[in-house]
N, C-alpha and C. Protein backbone atom coordinates (compact mmCIF):
# COMPACT_ATOMS: atom_id res chain seq x y z
N UNK A 1 0.84 -1.19 0.00
CA UNK A 1 0.00 0.00 0.00
C UNK A 1 0.88 1.24 0.00
N UNK A 2 0.59 2.17 -0.87
CA UNK A 2 1.37 3.40 -0.93
C UNK A 2 0.83 4.39 0.09
N UNK A 3 1.72 5.13 0.70
CA UNK A 3 1.32 6.14 1.69
C UNK A 3 1.57 7.51 1.07
N UNK A 4 0.48 8.25 0.71
CA UNK A 4 0.65 9.53 0.02
C UNK A 4 1.55 10.51 0.75
N UNK A 5 1.48 10.60 2.09
CA UNK A 5 2.30 11.53 2.84
C UNK A 5 3.78 11.20 2.63
N UNK A 6 4.12 9.92 2.65
CA UNK A 6 5.49 9.49 2.43
C UNK A 6 5.95 9.88 1.02
N UNK A 7 5.10 9.64 0.01
CA UNK A 7 5.44 10.00 -1.37
C UNK A 7 5.69 11.50 -1.48
N UNK A 8 4.83 12.28 -0.85
CA UNK A 8 4.98 13.73 -0.89
C UNK A 8 6.28 14.18 -0.24
N UNK A 9 6.60 13.57 0.88
CA UNK A 9 7.85 13.90 1.58
C UNK A 9 9.05 13.54 0.72
N UNK A 10 9.01 12.38 0.05
CA UNK A 10 10.12 11.96 -0.81
C UNK A 10 10.29 12.91 -1.99
N UNK A 11 9.19 13.34 -2.58
CA UNK A 11 9.27 14.30 -3.69
C UNK A 11 9.91 15.60 -3.20
N UNK A 12 9.47 16.08 -2.03
CA UNK A 12 10.02 17.32 -1.48
C UNK A 12 11.53 17.19 -1.24
N UNK A 13 11.96 16.06 -0.70
CA UNK A 13 13.39 15.83 -0.45
C UNK A 13 14.16 15.81 -1.77
N UNK A 14 13.63 15.10 -2.77
CA UNK A 14 14.31 15.02 -4.08
C UNK A 14 14.42 16.40 -4.73
N UNK A 15 13.34 17.18 -4.65
CA UNK A 15 13.37 18.53 -5.24
C UNK A 15 14.39 19.39 -4.51
N UNK A 16 14.38 19.32 -3.17
CA UNK A 16 15.31 20.12 -2.38
C UNK A 16 16.76 19.76 -2.68
N UNK A 17 17.02 18.50 -2.94
CA UNK A 17 18.38 18.05 -3.23
C UNK A 17 18.74 18.14 -4.72
N UNK A 18 17.78 18.54 -5.53
CA UNK A 18 18.03 18.66 -6.97
C UNK A 18 18.06 17.31 -7.67
N UNK A 19 17.54 16.28 -7.03
CA UNK A 19 17.51 14.94 -7.64
C UNK A 19 16.30 14.81 -8.55
N UNK A 20 16.42 13.98 -9.59
CA UNK A 20 15.26 13.76 -10.46
C UNK A 20 14.14 13.06 -9.68
N UNK A 21 12.91 13.42 -10.01
CA UNK A 21 11.75 12.86 -9.33
C UNK A 21 11.09 11.85 -10.26
N UNK A 22 10.91 10.63 -9.81
CA UNK A 22 10.21 9.61 -10.57
C UNK A 22 9.17 8.97 -9.66
N UNK A 23 7.92 9.34 -9.85
CA UNK A 23 6.84 8.78 -9.04
C UNK A 23 6.37 7.46 -9.63
N UNK A 24 6.04 6.54 -8.78
CA UNK A 24 5.53 5.25 -9.23
C UNK A 24 4.21 5.45 -9.96
N UNK A 25 4.02 4.70 -11.00
CA UNK A 25 2.81 4.76 -11.79
C UNK A 25 2.36 3.32 -12.00
N UNK A 26 2.27 2.59 -10.89
CA UNK A 26 1.88 1.20 -10.98
C UNK A 26 0.87 0.87 -9.88
N UNK A 27 0.16 -0.25 -10.10
CA UNK A 27 -0.93 -0.66 -9.23
C UNK A 27 -0.83 -2.16 -9.03
N UNK A 28 -1.51 -2.66 -8.01
CA UNK A 28 -1.50 -4.10 -7.72
C UNK A 28 -2.90 -4.51 -7.29
N UNK A 29 -3.37 -5.66 -7.80
CA UNK A 29 -4.60 -6.29 -7.34
C UNK A 29 -4.34 -7.79 -7.33
N UNK A 30 -4.45 -8.39 -6.17
CA UNK A 30 -4.11 -9.81 -6.07
C UNK A 30 -2.68 -10.02 -6.54
N UNK A 31 -2.49 -10.99 -7.42
CA UNK A 31 -1.16 -11.30 -7.96
C UNK A 31 -0.84 -10.49 -9.22
N UNK A 32 -1.75 -9.60 -9.63
CA UNK A 32 -1.57 -8.85 -10.88
C UNK A 32 -0.98 -7.47 -10.59
N UNK A 33 0.11 -7.16 -11.29
CA UNK A 33 0.73 -5.83 -11.23
C UNK A 33 0.40 -5.11 -12.53
N UNK A 34 -0.05 -3.86 -12.41
CA UNK A 34 -0.38 -3.02 -13.56
C UNK A 34 0.61 -1.86 -13.56
N UNK A 35 1.37 -1.73 -14.63
CA UNK A 35 2.42 -0.72 -14.69
C UNK A 35 2.16 0.28 -15.81
N UNK A 36 2.36 1.54 -15.49
CA UNK A 36 2.34 2.67 -16.41
C UNK A 36 1.14 2.72 -17.35
N UNK A 37 -0.08 2.85 -16.81
CA UNK A 37 -1.23 3.06 -17.70
C UNK A 37 -1.15 4.45 -18.34
N UNK A 38 -1.27 4.50 -19.68
CA UNK A 38 -1.18 5.78 -20.37
C UNK A 38 -2.06 5.76 -21.62
N UNK A 39 -2.33 6.94 -22.14
CA UNK A 39 -3.10 7.10 -23.37
C UNK A 39 -2.52 8.29 -24.14
N UNK A 40 -2.66 8.23 -25.45
CA UNK A 40 -2.25 9.37 -26.27
C UNK A 40 -3.32 10.45 -26.22
N UNK A 41 -2.91 11.72 -26.38
CA UNK A 41 -3.90 12.79 -26.48
C UNK A 41 -4.75 12.61 -27.74
N UNK A 42 -5.99 13.08 -27.69
CA UNK A 42 -6.86 13.08 -28.86
C UNK A 42 -7.22 14.51 -29.21
N UNK A 43 -7.85 14.68 -30.36
CA UNK A 43 -8.26 16.01 -30.80
C UNK A 43 -9.78 16.14 -30.68
N UNK A 44 -10.26 17.37 -30.66
CA UNK A 44 -11.69 17.62 -30.57
C UNK A 44 -12.41 16.86 -31.69
N UNK A 45 -13.49 16.20 -31.34
CA UNK A 45 -14.27 15.45 -32.31
C UNK A 45 -13.84 14.00 -32.49
N UNK A 46 -12.66 13.65 -32.00
CA UNK A 46 -12.20 12.27 -32.08
C UNK A 46 -12.94 11.47 -31.03
N UNK A 47 -13.67 10.45 -31.45
CA UNK A 47 -14.54 9.71 -30.55
C UNK A 47 -13.91 8.46 -29.94
N UNK A 48 -12.70 8.12 -30.37
CA UNK A 48 -12.03 6.94 -29.82
C UNK A 48 -10.60 7.28 -29.44
N UNK A 49 -10.07 6.51 -28.52
CA UNK A 49 -8.68 6.67 -28.11
C UNK A 49 -8.14 5.33 -27.64
N UNK A 50 -6.85 5.24 -27.53
CA UNK A 50 -6.22 3.99 -27.12
C UNK A 50 -5.63 4.09 -25.73
N UNK A 51 -5.72 3.02 -24.99
CA UNK A 51 -5.12 2.93 -23.67
C UNK A 51 -4.09 1.82 -23.66
N UNK A 52 -2.99 2.04 -22.94
CA UNK A 52 -1.86 1.12 -22.96
C UNK A 52 -1.33 0.93 -21.54
N UNK A 53 -0.77 -0.25 -21.26
CA UNK A 53 -0.20 -0.55 -19.96
C UNK A 53 0.50 -1.89 -20.02
N UNK A 54 1.20 -2.19 -18.95
CA UNK A 54 1.89 -3.48 -18.81
C UNK A 54 1.19 -4.26 -17.71
N UNK A 55 0.88 -5.53 -17.97
CA UNK A 55 0.28 -6.41 -16.98
C UNK A 55 1.25 -7.53 -16.66
N UNK A 56 1.43 -7.81 -15.38
CA UNK A 56 2.30 -8.90 -14.96
C UNK A 56 1.57 -9.75 -13.93
N UNK A 57 1.52 -11.05 -14.20
CA UNK A 57 0.90 -11.99 -13.26
C UNK A 57 2.02 -12.60 -12.42
N UNK A 58 2.11 -12.17 -11.17
CA UNK A 58 3.14 -12.66 -10.26
C UNK A 58 2.70 -13.91 -9.50
N UNK A 59 1.52 -14.41 -9.84
CA UNK A 59 0.98 -15.57 -9.15
C UNK A 59 1.33 -16.88 -9.82
N UNK A 60 0.81 -17.96 -9.24
CA UNK A 60 1.05 -19.31 -9.75
C UNK A 60 -0.16 -19.85 -10.50
N UNK A 61 -1.19 -18.99 -10.65
CA UNK A 61 -2.42 -19.37 -11.33
C UNK A 61 -2.69 -18.37 -12.46
N UNK A 62 -3.13 -18.90 -13.60
CA UNK A 62 -3.49 -18.01 -14.72
C UNK A 62 -4.64 -17.10 -14.32
N UNK A 63 -4.69 -15.93 -14.93
CA UNK A 63 -5.79 -14.99 -14.74
C UNK A 63 -6.09 -14.38 -16.10
N UNK A 64 -7.15 -13.62 -16.15
CA UNK A 64 -7.55 -12.97 -17.41
C UNK A 64 -8.12 -11.59 -17.13
N UNK A 65 -7.74 -10.61 -17.95
CA UNK A 65 -8.39 -9.31 -17.92
C UNK A 65 -9.68 -9.48 -18.72
N UNK A 66 -10.83 -9.40 -18.05
CA UNK A 66 -12.09 -9.71 -18.72
C UNK A 66 -12.93 -8.49 -19.09
N UNK A 67 -12.68 -7.35 -18.44
CA UNK A 67 -13.41 -6.14 -18.83
C UNK A 67 -12.71 -4.90 -18.28
N UNK A 68 -13.02 -3.79 -18.93
CA UNK A 68 -12.49 -2.49 -18.54
C UNK A 68 -13.61 -1.47 -18.74
N UNK A 69 -13.71 -0.51 -17.83
CA UNK A 69 -14.69 0.56 -17.98
C UNK A 69 -14.07 1.87 -17.54
N UNK A 70 -14.69 2.97 -17.97
CA UNK A 70 -14.21 4.30 -17.62
C UNK A 70 -15.35 5.30 -17.69
N UNK A 71 -15.35 6.26 -16.79
CA UNK A 71 -16.33 7.34 -16.86
C UNK A 71 -15.99 8.31 -17.99
N UNK A 72 -14.80 8.18 -18.59
CA UNK A 72 -14.37 9.07 -19.66
C UNK A 72 -14.87 8.63 -21.04
N UNK A 73 -15.46 7.42 -21.13
CA UNK A 73 -15.91 6.89 -22.42
C UNK A 73 -17.19 6.08 -22.22
N UNK A 74 -17.96 5.95 -23.31
CA UNK A 74 -19.18 5.14 -23.24
C UNK A 74 -18.85 3.69 -22.93
N UNK A 75 -17.75 3.19 -23.51
CA UNK A 75 -17.32 1.82 -23.23
C UNK A 75 -15.83 1.69 -23.53
N UNK A 76 -15.24 0.65 -22.96
CA UNK A 76 -13.84 0.34 -23.21
C UNK A 76 -13.77 -1.11 -23.68
N UNK A 77 -13.14 -1.32 -24.81
CA UNK A 77 -13.03 -2.65 -25.39
C UNK A 77 -11.58 -3.12 -25.37
N UNK A 78 -11.40 -4.43 -25.29
CA UNK A 78 -10.09 -5.05 -25.41
C UNK A 78 -9.88 -5.35 -26.89
N UNK A 79 -8.75 -4.90 -27.45
CA UNK A 79 -8.51 -5.06 -28.89
C UNK A 79 -7.12 -5.62 -29.16
N UNK A 80 -6.98 -6.19 -30.34
CA UNK A 80 -5.68 -6.62 -30.84
C UNK A 80 -5.53 -6.11 -32.26
N UNK A 81 -4.29 -5.87 -32.65
CA UNK A 81 -3.97 -5.48 -34.03
C UNK A 81 -2.90 -6.43 -34.53
N UNK A 82 -3.11 -6.93 -35.74
CA UNK A 82 -2.14 -7.83 -36.37
C UNK A 82 -2.05 -7.52 -37.84
N UNK A 83 -0.83 -7.64 -38.37
CA UNK A 83 -0.60 -7.43 -39.78
C UNK A 83 -1.01 -8.69 -40.53
N UNK A 84 -1.92 -8.53 -41.50
CA UNK A 84 -2.39 -9.63 -42.34
C UNK A 84 -2.01 -9.28 -43.77
N UNK A 85 -0.84 -9.78 -44.21
CA UNK A 85 -0.30 -9.36 -45.51
C UNK A 85 0.14 -7.92 -45.39
N UNK A 86 -0.47 -7.05 -46.20
CA UNK A 86 -0.15 -5.62 -46.17
C UNK A 86 -1.20 -4.81 -45.40
N UNK A 87 -2.15 -5.50 -44.78
CA UNK A 87 -3.26 -4.81 -44.12
C UNK A 87 -3.20 -5.04 -42.61
N UNK A 88 -3.30 -3.95 -41.86
CA UNK A 88 -3.36 -4.04 -40.40
C UNK A 88 -4.82 -4.31 -40.03
N UNK A 89 -5.07 -5.41 -39.35
CA UNK A 89 -6.42 -5.79 -38.94
C UNK A 89 -6.57 -5.64 -37.44
N UNK A 90 -7.71 -5.07 -37.04
CA UNK A 90 -8.01 -4.88 -35.63
C UNK A 90 -9.27 -5.68 -35.32
N UNK A 91 -9.27 -6.35 -34.17
CA UNK A 91 -10.47 -7.05 -33.75
C UNK A 91 -10.61 -6.99 -32.24
N UNK A 92 -11.85 -7.11 -31.80
CA UNK A 92 -12.14 -7.08 -30.37
C UNK A 92 -11.85 -8.44 -29.76
N UNK A 93 -11.34 -8.44 -28.53
CA UNK A 93 -11.04 -9.66 -27.79
C UNK A 93 -12.05 -9.83 -26.66
N UNK A 94 -12.32 -11.08 -26.28
CA UNK A 94 -13.19 -11.35 -25.13
C UNK A 94 -12.44 -11.13 -23.83
N UNK A 95 -11.13 -11.41 -23.84
CA UNK A 95 -10.31 -11.30 -22.64
C UNK A 95 -8.85 -11.27 -23.05
N UNK A 96 -8.00 -10.85 -22.12
CA UNK A 96 -6.55 -10.90 -22.33
C UNK A 96 -6.00 -11.88 -21.30
N UNK A 97 -5.38 -12.94 -21.81
CA UNK A 97 -4.86 -14.02 -20.97
C UNK A 97 -3.56 -13.59 -20.27
N UNK A 98 -3.46 -13.94 -18.99
CA UNK A 98 -2.27 -13.66 -18.20
C UNK A 98 -1.78 -14.96 -17.58
N UNK A 99 -0.80 -15.62 -18.23
CA UNK A 99 -0.30 -16.88 -17.69
C UNK A 99 0.43 -16.66 -16.38
N UNK A 100 0.49 -17.69 -15.52
CA UNK A 100 1.22 -17.54 -14.26
C UNK A 100 2.69 -17.19 -14.53
N UNK A 101 3.18 -16.19 -13.82
CA UNK A 101 4.56 -15.75 -13.99
C UNK A 101 4.82 -15.02 -15.30
N UNK A 102 3.78 -14.72 -16.06
CA UNK A 102 3.94 -14.07 -17.36
C UNK A 102 3.52 -12.62 -17.35
N UNK A 103 3.82 -11.93 -18.45
CA UNK A 103 3.41 -10.53 -18.59
C UNK A 103 2.92 -10.27 -20.00
N UNK A 104 2.09 -9.25 -20.11
CA UNK A 104 1.52 -8.84 -21.39
C UNK A 104 1.64 -7.33 -21.47
N UNK A 105 2.11 -6.83 -22.60
CA UNK A 105 2.18 -5.38 -22.80
C UNK A 105 1.09 -4.96 -23.76
N UNK A 106 0.21 -4.07 -23.30
CA UNK A 106 -0.78 -3.46 -24.17
C UNK A 106 -0.13 -2.20 -24.71
N UNK A 107 0.06 -2.14 -26.05
CA UNK A 107 0.86 -1.08 -26.65
C UNK A 107 0.30 -0.68 -28.00
N UNK A 108 0.66 0.49 -28.49
CA UNK A 108 0.24 0.88 -29.84
C UNK A 108 0.72 -0.15 -30.87
N UNK A 109 -0.17 -0.50 -31.79
CA UNK A 109 0.17 -1.45 -32.83
C UNK A 109 0.02 -2.90 -32.42
N UNK A 110 -0.42 -3.17 -31.19
CA UNK A 110 -0.60 -4.54 -30.69
C UNK A 110 -1.88 -4.63 -29.89
N UNK A 111 -1.90 -5.46 -28.87
CA UNK A 111 -3.05 -5.51 -27.98
C UNK A 111 -3.15 -4.16 -27.27
N UNK A 112 -4.38 -3.67 -27.08
CA UNK A 112 -4.58 -2.36 -26.46
C UNK A 112 -6.01 -2.24 -25.96
N UNK A 113 -6.27 -1.16 -25.24
CA UNK A 113 -7.61 -0.82 -24.79
C UNK A 113 -8.18 0.22 -25.74
N UNK A 114 -9.41 0.02 -26.19
CA UNK A 114 -10.06 0.97 -27.08
C UNK A 114 -11.12 1.71 -26.30
N UNK A 115 -10.92 3.02 -26.10
CA UNK A 115 -11.90 3.86 -25.42
C UNK A 115 -12.85 4.37 -26.51
N UNK A 116 -14.10 3.91 -26.46
CA UNK A 116 -15.08 4.21 -27.50
C UNK A 116 -16.12 5.19 -26.95
N UNK A 117 -16.45 6.21 -27.75
CA UNK A 117 -17.43 7.20 -27.32
C UNK A 117 -16.86 8.11 -26.25
N UNK A 118 -15.68 8.67 -26.54
CA UNK A 118 -15.06 9.59 -25.57
C UNK A 118 -16.02 10.73 -25.24
N UNK A 119 -16.12 11.07 -23.97
CA UNK A 119 -17.01 12.14 -23.54
C UNK A 119 -16.35 13.51 -23.66
N UNK A 120 -15.02 13.53 -23.77
CA UNK A 120 -14.24 14.75 -23.96
C UNK A 120 -12.88 14.32 -24.52
N UNK A 121 -12.18 15.23 -25.18
CA UNK A 121 -10.85 14.87 -25.69
C UNK A 121 -9.91 14.47 -24.55
N UNK A 122 -8.99 13.58 -24.84
CA UNK A 122 -7.96 13.20 -23.88
C UNK A 122 -6.86 14.25 -23.99
N UNK A 123 -6.71 15.05 -22.94
CA UNK A 123 -5.79 16.19 -22.98
C UNK A 123 -4.44 15.85 -22.35
N UNK A 124 -3.39 16.24 -23.05
CA UNK A 124 -2.02 16.03 -22.59
C UNK A 124 -1.87 16.54 -21.16
N UNK A 125 -1.29 15.72 -20.30
CA UNK A 125 -1.07 16.11 -18.91
C UNK A 125 -2.20 15.78 -17.96
N UNK A 126 -3.37 15.43 -18.48
CA UNK A 126 -4.51 15.08 -17.63
C UNK A 126 -4.51 13.56 -17.41
N UNK A 127 -5.41 13.11 -16.57
CA UNK A 127 -5.59 11.68 -16.30
C UNK A 127 -7.05 11.32 -16.41
N UNK A 128 -7.31 10.04 -16.72
CA UNK A 128 -8.67 9.52 -16.73
C UNK A 128 -8.71 8.24 -15.90
N UNK A 129 -9.86 7.95 -15.27
CA UNK A 129 -9.96 6.73 -14.47
C UNK A 129 -10.31 5.52 -15.34
N UNK A 130 -9.76 4.37 -14.97
CA UNK A 130 -10.13 3.10 -15.60
C UNK A 130 -10.37 2.09 -14.50
N UNK A 131 -11.38 1.27 -14.69
CA UNK A 131 -11.62 0.15 -13.79
C UNK A 131 -11.31 -1.12 -14.57
N UNK A 132 -10.29 -1.85 -14.12
CA UNK A 132 -9.90 -3.11 -14.74
C UNK A 132 -10.51 -4.25 -13.92
N UNK A 133 -11.10 -5.23 -14.61
CA UNK A 133 -11.68 -6.38 -13.94
C UNK A 133 -10.98 -7.65 -14.41
N UNK A 134 -10.38 -8.35 -13.44
CA UNK A 134 -9.69 -9.60 -13.70
C UNK A 134 -10.57 -10.75 -13.20
N UNK A 135 -10.53 -11.86 -13.92
CA UNK A 135 -11.35 -13.01 -13.58
C UNK A 135 -11.11 -13.50 -12.16
N UNK A 136 -9.86 -13.58 -11.73
CA UNK A 136 -9.53 -14.09 -10.39
C UNK A 136 -9.18 -12.97 -9.41
N UNK A 137 -8.37 -12.04 -9.82
CA UNK A 137 -7.87 -11.00 -8.92
C UNK A 137 -8.93 -9.97 -8.55
N UNK A 138 -9.96 -9.80 -9.40
CA UNK A 138 -11.01 -8.84 -9.10
C UNK A 138 -10.79 -7.50 -9.77
N UNK A 139 -11.34 -6.46 -9.16
CA UNK A 139 -11.35 -5.11 -9.73
C UNK A 139 -10.25 -4.24 -9.14
N UNK A 140 -9.76 -3.31 -9.97
CA UNK A 140 -8.82 -2.31 -9.50
C UNK A 140 -9.05 -1.02 -10.30
N UNK A 141 -9.01 0.10 -9.61
CA UNK A 141 -9.09 1.41 -10.27
C UNK A 141 -7.68 1.93 -10.51
N UNK A 142 -7.44 2.42 -11.73
CA UNK A 142 -6.14 3.01 -12.07
C UNK A 142 -6.37 4.36 -12.73
N UNK A 143 -5.36 5.20 -12.65
CA UNK A 143 -5.39 6.49 -13.33
C UNK A 143 -4.50 6.37 -14.57
N UNK A 144 -5.08 6.69 -15.71
CA UNK A 144 -4.38 6.64 -16.99
C UNK A 144 -3.90 8.05 -17.31
N UNK A 145 -2.60 8.21 -17.41
CA UNK A 145 -2.04 9.53 -17.72
C UNK A 145 -2.04 9.74 -19.23
N UNK A 146 -2.48 10.90 -19.65
CA UNK A 146 -2.47 11.24 -21.06
C UNK A 146 -1.13 11.89 -21.35
N UNK A 147 -0.36 11.22 -22.21
CA UNK A 147 1.00 11.68 -22.50
C UNK A 147 1.40 11.31 -23.92
N UNK A 148 2.49 11.91 -24.37
CA UNK A 148 3.03 11.54 -25.68
C UNK A 148 3.56 10.13 -25.59
N UNK A 149 3.59 9.44 -26.71
CA UNK A 149 4.07 8.06 -26.74
C UNK A 149 5.52 8.00 -26.29
N UNK A 150 5.86 7.02 -25.44
CA UNK A 150 7.27 6.83 -25.09
C UNK A 150 8.08 6.56 -26.36
N UNK A 151 9.36 6.85 -26.32
CA UNK A 151 10.22 6.68 -27.50
C UNK A 151 10.15 5.28 -28.07
N UNK A 152 9.98 4.27 -27.22
CA UNK A 152 9.95 2.89 -27.69
C UNK A 152 8.72 2.58 -28.52
N UNK A 153 7.65 3.39 -28.41
CA UNK A 153 6.43 3.14 -29.17
C UNK A 153 6.11 4.25 -30.15
N UNK A 154 6.95 5.26 -30.24
CA UNK A 154 6.65 6.42 -31.08
C UNK A 154 6.46 6.08 -32.55
N UNK A 155 7.10 5.02 -33.02
CA UNK A 155 6.98 4.67 -34.43
C UNK A 155 5.72 3.88 -34.74
N UNK A 156 4.98 3.45 -33.72
CA UNK A 156 3.74 2.70 -33.94
C UNK A 156 2.69 3.61 -34.54
N UNK A 157 1.66 3.04 -35.19
CA UNK A 157 0.65 3.86 -35.86
C UNK A 157 -0.02 4.87 -34.93
N UNK A 158 0.17 6.14 -35.19
CA UNK A 158 -0.36 7.19 -34.32
C UNK A 158 -1.86 7.37 -34.48
N UNK A 159 -2.40 7.09 -35.65
CA UNK A 159 -3.81 7.34 -35.92
C UNK A 159 -4.63 6.06 -35.89
N UNK A 160 -4.19 5.05 -35.16
CA UNK A 160 -4.87 3.76 -35.20
C UNK A 160 -6.31 3.84 -34.71
N UNK A 161 -6.65 4.88 -33.97
CA UNK A 161 -8.00 4.98 -33.43
C UNK A 161 -8.80 6.14 -33.99
N UNK A 162 -8.23 6.94 -34.85
CA UNK A 162 -8.88 8.16 -35.30
C UNK A 162 -10.23 7.90 -35.96
N UNK A 163 -10.35 6.89 -36.79
CA UNK A 163 -11.62 6.59 -37.46
C UNK A 163 -12.19 5.26 -37.01
N UNK A 164 -11.84 4.82 -35.82
CA UNK A 164 -12.23 3.48 -35.40
C UNK A 164 -13.71 3.35 -35.11
N UNK A 165 -14.43 4.46 -34.98
CA UNK A 165 -15.86 4.38 -34.73
C UNK A 165 -16.59 3.69 -35.88
N UNK A 166 -15.95 3.54 -37.04
CA UNK A 166 -16.55 2.87 -38.19
C UNK A 166 -16.33 1.36 -38.14
N UNK A 167 -15.53 0.87 -37.15
CA UNK A 167 -15.19 -0.55 -37.02
C UNK A 167 -16.40 -1.41 -36.75
């Protein structure tokens, strides 16, 4: 369990000493660790957006991410993207499997969360809530930070969700 007062004190100490500040952006529910939930910014009128994160099953039993919801969108779907010849195909998944001791990265151009029916644009620097539901571990609320794509994913398709409402 994180203690906000302790985190605040550590940030203050790091700032006072001129040290770089790196706050944890991870969550835990049961044996499942959720690391760095993020989304790309969207533009006005864009009705869909993508959500990304790393899932790690630290347990000895398989689990599955079976649903996701958010007050920021009408619904959140689990999706995958795969290259089929020269065409990138996207399809909805029923669940994302998490083998015991395994991890799955939801990232641009691969498995990801599709936020459908955005209620407002995803603005750089803001956060949105997500509720992740795992078959065994249960529910966990996470904050998804809206940020530019990390350098490791910057080359992935940036507009993968721009016209996805036609899917």
